[in-house]
N, C-alpha and C. Protein backbone atom coordinates (compact mmCIF):
# COMPACT_ATOMS: atom_id res chain seq x y z
N MET A 1 56.34 97.75 116.73
CA MET A 1 56.13 99.00 116.02
C MET A 1 57.24 99.97 116.40
N THR A 2 57.74 100.71 115.43
CA THR A 2 58.80 101.67 115.68
C THR A 2 58.21 103.03 116.00
N LYS A 3 59.06 103.99 116.30
CA LYS A 3 58.61 105.32 116.67
C LYS A 3 57.86 106.04 115.55
N ILE A 4 58.18 105.71 114.30
CA ILE A 4 57.52 106.41 113.19
C ILE A 4 56.27 105.67 112.70
N GLY A 5 55.89 104.61 113.36
CA GLY A 5 54.66 103.92 113.04
C GLY A 5 54.77 102.92 111.90
N VAL A 6 55.98 102.48 111.56
CA VAL A 6 56.17 101.52 110.48
C VAL A 6 56.63 100.20 111.09
N LYS A 7 55.98 99.10 110.67
CA LYS A 7 56.34 97.78 111.15
C LYS A 7 57.13 97.05 110.07
N ALA A 8 57.92 96.10 110.50
CA ALA A 8 58.69 95.29 109.54
C ALA A 8 57.78 94.55 108.57
N ASP A 9 56.57 94.20 109.02
CA ASP A 9 55.62 93.49 108.16
C ASP A 9 55.09 94.36 107.02
N ASP A 10 55.30 95.68 107.11
CA ASP A 10 54.82 96.58 106.06
C ASP A 10 55.68 96.52 104.81
N PHE A 11 56.86 95.89 104.89
CA PHE A 11 57.78 95.84 103.77
C PHE A 11 57.78 94.45 103.14
N HIS A 12 57.73 94.41 101.82
CA HIS A 12 57.74 93.15 101.08
C HIS A 12 58.62 93.33 99.85
N PRO A 13 59.41 92.31 99.51
CA PRO A 13 60.25 92.44 98.32
C PRO A 13 59.40 92.50 97.05
N ALA A 14 59.86 93.27 96.09
CA ALA A 14 59.17 93.37 94.81
C ALA A 14 60.04 92.72 93.74
N ASP A 15 59.51 91.77 93.03
CA ASP A 15 60.25 91.13 91.95
C ASP A 15 60.31 92.08 90.76
N PHE A 16 61.50 92.17 90.17
CA PHE A 16 61.67 93.02 89.00
C PHE A 16 61.00 92.37 87.81
N GLU A 17 60.11 93.10 87.16
CA GLU A 17 59.42 92.62 85.96
C GLU A 17 59.39 93.75 84.95
N LYS A 18 60.24 93.65 83.95
CA LYS A 18 60.37 94.74 82.98
C LYS A 18 59.16 94.86 82.04
N ASP A 19 58.38 93.81 81.90
CA ASP A 19 57.26 93.85 80.95
C ASP A 19 55.95 94.27 81.58
N ASP A 20 55.92 94.50 82.89
CA ASP A 20 54.70 94.92 83.58
C ASP A 20 54.78 96.43 83.83
N ASP A 21 54.06 97.21 83.01
CA ASP A 21 54.12 98.67 83.14
C ASP A 21 53.39 99.20 84.37
N SER A 22 52.56 98.37 85.01
CA SER A 22 51.81 98.84 86.17
C SER A 22 52.67 98.95 87.44
N ASN A 23 53.86 98.32 87.44
CA ASN A 23 54.70 98.40 88.63
C ASN A 23 55.69 99.57 88.59
N PHE A 24 55.80 100.24 87.47
CA PHE A 24 56.62 101.44 87.27
C PHE A 24 58.13 101.19 87.46
N HIS A 25 58.57 99.94 87.38
CA HIS A 25 60.00 99.66 87.51
C HIS A 25 60.79 100.31 86.37
N ILE A 26 60.35 100.08 85.16
CA ILE A 26 61.06 100.65 84.00
C ILE A 26 60.92 102.16 84.00
N ASP A 27 59.77 102.68 84.42
CA ASP A 27 59.61 104.14 84.49
C ASP A 27 60.66 104.76 85.42
N TYR A 28 60.87 104.13 86.56
CA TYR A 28 61.86 104.65 87.51
C TYR A 28 63.28 104.57 86.92
N ILE A 29 63.62 103.41 86.36
CA ILE A 29 64.95 103.23 85.77
C ILE A 29 65.16 104.22 84.63
N HIS A 30 64.14 104.40 83.80
CA HIS A 30 64.24 105.34 82.66
C HIS A 30 64.43 106.78 83.16
N ALA A 31 63.68 107.16 84.18
CA ALA A 31 63.80 108.52 84.72
C ALA A 31 65.20 108.75 85.30
N ALA A 32 65.70 107.76 86.05
CA ALA A 32 67.05 107.88 86.62
C ALA A 32 68.10 107.95 85.52
N ALA A 33 67.92 107.17 84.46
CA ALA A 33 68.87 107.18 83.34
C ALA A 33 68.84 108.53 82.62
N GLN A 34 67.66 109.12 82.48
CA GLN A 34 67.56 110.42 81.81
C GLN A 34 68.25 111.51 82.65
N ILE A 35 68.07 111.46 83.97
CA ILE A 35 68.73 112.43 84.85
C ILE A 35 70.25 112.28 84.75
N ARG A 36 70.71 111.03 84.74
CA ARG A 36 72.15 110.79 84.63
C ARG A 36 72.67 111.29 83.29
N ALA A 37 71.94 111.04 82.23
CA ALA A 37 72.35 111.51 80.90
C ALA A 37 72.44 113.04 80.88
N GLU A 38 71.48 113.69 81.50
CA GLU A 38 71.50 115.15 81.56
C GLU A 38 72.71 115.64 82.37
N ASN A 39 72.96 115.01 83.50
CA ASN A 39 74.08 115.42 84.35
C ASN A 39 75.43 115.27 83.67
N TYR A 40 75.60 114.20 82.90
CA TYR A 40 76.90 113.91 82.30
C TYR A 40 76.96 114.24 80.81
N GLN A 41 75.96 114.96 80.30
CA GLN A 41 75.91 115.37 78.90
C GLN A 41 76.14 114.20 77.94
N ILE A 42 75.44 113.09 78.19
CA ILE A 42 75.49 111.95 77.29
C ILE A 42 74.12 111.82 76.64
N PRO A 43 74.04 111.18 75.48
CA PRO A 43 72.76 111.10 74.76
C PRO A 43 71.68 110.37 75.57
N LYS A 44 70.48 110.93 75.55
CA LYS A 44 69.34 110.29 76.21
C LYS A 44 68.79 109.20 75.29
N CYS A 45 67.98 108.31 75.86
CA CYS A 45 67.41 107.24 75.05
C CYS A 45 65.90 107.16 75.29
N GLU A 46 65.24 106.42 74.42
CA GLU A 46 63.80 106.21 74.52
C GLU A 46 63.50 105.15 75.59
N LYS A 47 62.27 105.17 76.09
CA LYS A 47 61.87 104.24 77.14
C LYS A 47 62.00 102.79 76.68
N GLN A 48 61.68 102.50 75.43
CA GLN A 48 61.79 101.13 74.92
C GLN A 48 63.23 100.65 74.94
N ASN A 49 64.16 101.55 74.62
CA ASN A 49 65.58 101.20 74.65
C ASN A 49 66.01 100.90 76.10
N THR A 50 65.52 101.69 77.05
CA THR A 50 65.81 101.45 78.47
C THR A 50 65.31 100.07 78.87
N LYS A 51 64.11 99.71 78.41
CA LYS A 51 63.52 98.42 78.74
C LYS A 51 64.37 97.28 78.18
N MET A 52 64.89 97.43 76.97
CA MET A 52 65.72 96.39 76.36
C MET A 52 67.04 96.24 77.12
N ILE A 53 67.66 97.36 77.48
CA ILE A 53 68.93 97.32 78.21
C ILE A 53 68.74 96.70 79.59
N ALA A 54 67.69 97.12 80.31
CA ALA A 54 67.42 96.59 81.65
C ALA A 54 67.15 95.09 81.60
N GLY A 55 66.49 94.64 80.55
CA GLY A 55 66.20 93.21 80.40
C GLY A 55 67.45 92.37 80.23
N LYS A 56 68.51 92.98 79.73
CA LYS A 56 69.77 92.25 79.57
C LYS A 56 70.64 92.33 80.83
N ILE A 57 70.53 93.42 81.57
CA ILE A 57 71.39 93.62 82.74
C ILE A 57 71.02 92.68 83.89
N ILE A 58 69.73 92.55 84.18
CA ILE A 58 69.30 91.75 85.33
C ILE A 58 69.78 90.30 85.22
N PRO A 59 69.60 89.60 84.08
CA PRO A 59 70.13 88.23 83.98
C PRO A 59 71.66 88.20 84.09
N ALA A 60 72.34 89.21 83.58
CA ALA A 60 73.80 89.24 83.66
C ALA A 60 74.25 89.38 85.11
N ILE A 61 73.56 90.22 85.87
CA ILE A 61 73.89 90.39 87.28
C ILE A 61 73.65 89.09 88.04
N ALA A 62 72.53 88.43 87.77
CA ALA A 62 72.21 87.18 88.45
C ALA A 62 73.24 86.10 88.11
N THR A 63 73.65 86.02 86.86
CA THR A 63 74.64 85.03 86.44
C THR A 63 75.98 85.29 87.10
N THR A 64 76.41 86.55 87.11
CA THR A 64 77.69 86.91 87.70
C THR A 64 77.67 86.65 89.20
N THR A 65 76.59 87.02 89.85
CA THR A 65 76.47 86.80 91.30
C THR A 65 76.56 85.31 91.62
N ALA A 66 75.88 84.48 90.85
CA ALA A 66 75.92 83.03 91.07
C ALA A 66 77.33 82.48 90.87
N MET A 67 78.03 82.96 89.85
CA MET A 67 79.38 82.49 89.57
C MET A 67 80.34 82.86 90.71
N ILE A 68 80.28 84.10 91.16
CA ILE A 68 81.17 84.56 92.22
C ILE A 68 80.85 83.85 93.54
N THR A 69 79.56 83.67 93.81
CA THR A 69 79.16 82.96 95.03
C THR A 69 79.71 81.54 95.03
N GLY A 70 79.66 80.89 93.89
CA GLY A 70 80.21 79.53 93.79
C GLY A 70 81.71 79.50 94.03
N ALA A 71 82.43 80.46 93.47
CA ALA A 71 83.89 80.52 93.66
C ALA A 71 84.23 80.79 95.12
N VAL A 72 83.50 81.71 95.75
CA VAL A 72 83.75 82.02 97.16
C VAL A 72 83.43 80.80 98.03
N MET A 73 82.33 80.13 97.76
CA MET A 73 81.95 78.99 98.58
C MET A 73 82.95 77.85 98.45
N SER A 74 83.54 77.64 97.28
CA SER A 74 84.54 76.58 97.15
C SER A 74 85.75 76.88 98.02
N GLU A 75 86.10 78.16 98.17
CA GLU A 75 87.21 78.54 99.06
C GLU A 75 86.79 78.44 100.53
N LEU A 76 85.54 78.77 100.82
CA LEU A 76 85.05 78.69 102.20
C LEU A 76 85.03 77.25 102.69
N TYR A 77 84.71 76.30 101.81
CA TYR A 77 84.74 74.89 102.20
C TYR A 77 86.14 74.50 102.66
N LYS A 78 87.16 75.05 102.03
CA LYS A 78 88.54 74.74 102.43
C LYS A 78 88.83 75.24 103.84
N ILE A 79 88.31 76.42 104.17
CA ILE A 79 88.50 76.96 105.52
C ILE A 79 87.78 76.08 106.54
N VAL A 80 86.55 75.67 106.23
CA VAL A 80 85.77 74.82 107.13
C VAL A 80 86.46 73.48 107.33
N GLN A 81 87.14 72.98 106.31
CA GLN A 81 87.85 71.72 106.42
C GLN A 81 89.16 71.84 107.20
N GLY A 82 89.52 73.07 107.57
CA GLY A 82 90.71 73.27 108.40
C GLY A 82 91.98 73.54 107.64
N ARG A 83 91.89 73.77 106.36
CA ARG A 83 93.11 74.08 105.60
C ARG A 83 93.60 75.47 105.99
N ASP A 84 94.92 75.60 106.12
CA ASP A 84 95.45 76.91 106.52
C ASP A 84 96.71 77.32 105.75
N LYS A 85 97.17 76.50 104.82
CA LYS A 85 98.33 76.88 104.01
C LYS A 85 97.86 77.70 102.82
N ILE A 86 98.60 78.73 102.48
CA ILE A 86 98.22 79.61 101.37
C ILE A 86 98.14 78.85 100.05
N GLU A 87 98.93 77.78 99.91
CA GLU A 87 98.94 77.00 98.68
C GLU A 87 97.62 76.26 98.44
N ASP A 88 96.81 76.11 99.50
CA ASP A 88 95.54 75.40 99.38
C ASP A 88 94.44 76.25 98.74
N PHE A 89 94.63 77.56 98.71
CA PHE A 89 93.58 78.47 98.25
C PHE A 89 93.86 78.98 96.83
N ARG A 90 92.84 79.59 96.22
CA ARG A 90 92.97 80.09 94.86
C ARG A 90 92.35 81.48 94.72
N ASN A 91 92.98 82.31 93.90
CA ASN A 91 92.38 83.56 93.44
C ASN A 91 91.61 83.23 92.17
N ALA A 92 90.48 83.86 91.97
CA ALA A 92 89.68 83.60 90.78
C ALA A 92 89.60 84.86 89.92
N PHE A 93 89.88 84.72 88.64
CA PHE A 93 89.72 85.78 87.66
C PHE A 93 88.71 85.26 86.64
N ILE A 94 87.54 85.89 86.61
CA ILE A 94 86.44 85.36 85.81
C ILE A 94 85.89 86.46 84.91
N ASN A 95 85.75 86.15 83.62
CA ASN A 95 85.12 87.05 82.66
C ASN A 95 84.08 86.25 81.90
N LEU A 96 82.82 86.42 82.29
CA LEU A 96 81.75 85.63 81.66
C LEU A 96 81.49 86.05 80.23
N GLY A 97 81.93 87.25 79.86
CA GLY A 97 81.72 87.73 78.49
C GLY A 97 82.50 86.93 77.46
N VAL A 98 83.64 86.38 77.85
CA VAL A 98 84.46 85.61 76.93
C VAL A 98 84.73 84.20 77.46
N SER A 99 83.96 83.77 78.43
CA SER A 99 84.09 82.43 79.04
C SER A 99 85.51 82.18 79.52
N LEU A 100 86.05 83.12 80.31
CA LEU A 100 87.40 82.99 80.85
C LEU A 100 87.31 82.71 82.33
N PHE A 101 87.90 81.60 82.75
CA PHE A 101 87.94 81.22 84.16
C PHE A 101 89.39 80.87 84.48
N VAL A 102 90.05 81.70 85.28
CA VAL A 102 91.44 81.46 85.63
C VAL A 102 91.54 81.43 87.15
N PHE A 103 92.09 80.34 87.67
CA PHE A 103 92.30 80.21 89.10
C PHE A 103 93.80 80.14 89.35
N THR A 104 94.31 81.03 90.19
CA THR A 104 95.74 81.09 90.45
C THR A 104 96.02 80.93 91.93
N GLU A 105 97.24 80.53 92.21
CA GLU A 105 97.66 80.40 93.60
C GLU A 105 98.05 81.78 94.12
N PRO A 106 97.50 82.20 95.25
CA PRO A 106 97.84 83.54 95.75
C PRO A 106 99.29 83.59 96.24
N THR A 107 99.88 84.76 96.13
CA THR A 107 101.24 84.95 96.63
C THR A 107 101.18 85.47 98.05
N PRO A 108 102.16 85.15 98.86
CA PRO A 108 102.16 85.69 100.22
C PRO A 108 102.31 87.21 100.19
N PRO A 109 101.82 87.89 101.22
CA PRO A 109 101.91 89.35 101.23
C PRO A 109 103.34 89.82 101.46
N LYS A 110 103.63 91.02 100.98
CA LYS A 110 104.96 91.62 101.18
C LYS A 110 105.15 91.94 102.66
N GLN A 111 106.31 91.59 103.19
CA GLN A 111 106.65 91.93 104.56
C GLN A 111 107.43 93.24 104.54
N HIS A 112 106.94 94.22 105.27
CA HIS A 112 107.54 95.54 105.25
C HIS A 112 108.71 95.63 106.23
N GLU A 113 109.78 96.25 105.79
CA GLU A 113 110.98 96.45 106.59
C GLU A 113 111.34 97.92 106.60
N ASP A 114 112.26 98.32 107.48
CA ASP A 114 112.74 99.70 107.52
C ASP A 114 113.41 100.06 106.20
N GLU A 115 113.22 101.32 105.79
CA GLU A 115 113.86 101.81 104.56
C GLU A 115 114.64 103.06 104.88
N GLU A 116 115.86 103.14 104.36
CA GLU A 116 116.67 104.33 104.60
C GLU A 116 116.14 105.52 103.80
N ASN A 117 115.70 105.26 102.56
CA ASN A 117 115.20 106.34 101.73
C ASN A 117 114.03 105.84 100.90
N ASN A 118 112.81 106.14 101.34
CA ASN A 118 111.61 105.77 100.61
C ASN A 118 111.32 106.87 99.59
N VAL A 119 111.19 106.49 98.33
CA VAL A 119 111.01 107.47 97.26
C VAL A 119 109.70 108.25 97.43
N ILE A 120 108.66 107.58 97.84
CA ILE A 120 107.36 108.24 97.97
C ILE A 120 107.35 109.19 99.17
N MET A 121 107.87 108.74 100.29
CA MET A 121 107.88 109.57 101.49
C MET A 121 109.00 110.60 101.48
N GLY A 122 110.02 110.39 100.64
CA GLY A 122 111.12 111.34 100.54
C GLY A 122 112.06 111.29 101.71
N GLY A 123 112.20 110.14 102.34
CA GLY A 123 113.09 110.01 103.48
C GLY A 123 112.99 108.64 104.10
N PRO A 124 113.51 108.48 105.30
CA PRO A 124 113.49 107.16 105.95
C PRO A 124 112.09 106.78 106.42
N VAL A 125 111.83 105.47 106.40
CA VAL A 125 110.55 104.93 106.87
C VAL A 125 110.86 103.79 107.81
N LYS A 126 110.21 103.79 108.96
CA LYS A 126 110.42 102.73 109.96
C LYS A 126 109.19 101.82 109.97
N ALA A 127 109.41 100.53 109.83
CA ALA A 127 108.33 99.54 109.86
C ALA A 127 108.05 99.15 111.30
N VAL A 128 106.83 99.40 111.75
CA VAL A 128 106.46 99.06 113.13
C VAL A 128 105.20 98.21 113.09
N PRO A 129 105.28 96.95 113.49
CA PRO A 129 106.46 96.19 113.83
C PRO A 129 107.17 95.71 112.57
N LYS A 130 108.44 95.31 112.72
CA LYS A 130 109.18 94.84 111.55
C LYS A 130 108.51 93.59 111.00
N GLY A 131 108.41 93.53 109.66
CA GLY A 131 107.83 92.36 109.01
C GLY A 131 106.32 92.37 108.93
N TRP A 132 105.66 93.50 109.18
CA TRP A 132 104.20 93.53 109.12
C TRP A 132 103.74 93.40 107.67
N THR A 133 102.54 92.87 107.49
CA THR A 133 101.95 92.71 106.16
C THR A 133 100.56 93.32 106.16
N ILE A 134 99.98 93.47 104.98
CA ILE A 134 98.62 94.00 104.89
C ILE A 134 97.59 93.00 105.42
N TRP A 135 98.00 91.78 105.68
CA TRP A 135 97.09 90.79 106.25
C TRP A 135 97.04 90.89 107.77
N ASP A 136 97.95 91.62 108.37
CA ASP A 136 97.99 91.76 109.82
C ASP A 136 96.88 92.69 110.30
N THR A 137 96.52 92.54 111.56
CA THR A 137 95.54 93.44 112.18
C THR A 137 96.18 94.13 113.36
N ILE A 138 95.64 95.28 113.68
CA ILE A 138 96.11 96.04 114.84
C ILE A 138 94.96 96.10 115.83
N GLU A 139 95.22 95.68 117.05
CA GLU A 139 94.21 95.75 118.09
C GLU A 139 94.60 96.82 119.08
N LEU A 140 93.71 97.77 119.29
CA LEU A 140 93.93 98.85 120.23
C LEU A 140 93.08 98.62 121.47
N ASN A 141 93.73 98.38 122.56
CA ASN A 141 93.02 98.16 123.82
C ASN A 141 93.49 99.23 124.82
N GLN A 142 93.28 100.48 124.49
CA GLN A 142 93.78 101.58 125.29
C GLN A 142 92.70 102.21 126.17
N GLY A 143 91.54 101.62 126.24
CA GLY A 143 90.44 102.26 126.97
C GLY A 143 89.76 103.29 126.09
N SER A 144 89.55 104.47 126.63
CA SER A 144 88.88 105.53 125.89
C SER A 144 89.76 106.03 124.75
N MET A 145 89.21 106.13 123.55
CA MET A 145 89.97 106.56 122.39
C MET A 145 89.59 107.98 121.97
N THR A 146 89.06 108.78 122.86
CA THR A 146 88.67 110.14 122.51
C THR A 146 89.86 111.09 122.62
N LEU A 147 89.79 112.18 121.93
CA LEU A 147 90.86 113.18 121.98
C LEU A 147 90.60 114.20 123.05
């Protein structure tokens, strides 16, 4: 039991069911949509329209989640198998709306070097360390990091 008197057993997942009005799922979604419409001055809709839209979104989210999970897992299997060359992996570009599945070979990251005149910074830029990439990590082991 926690300090506020709530136990983990008090919480249970609720399955989304758009056709059961007793669970108030659509009522909540409709109320939130109406508030958003008011905030952004966009047309409000009827509760039945909210129910139709919500009924289409949930399956789309589940389908997209399953597709992305599959793509990620296929790449994770490569890591578990010990592959470490960038050519072994793939970037995935997926659009389920038009049945587009494109897998490309990732490019290596840009290695940063010193610049005499960086247009954005308006002057010289020093790369520390030379050749760093966005894939690199910085480890700070300085003890206390307070100011």
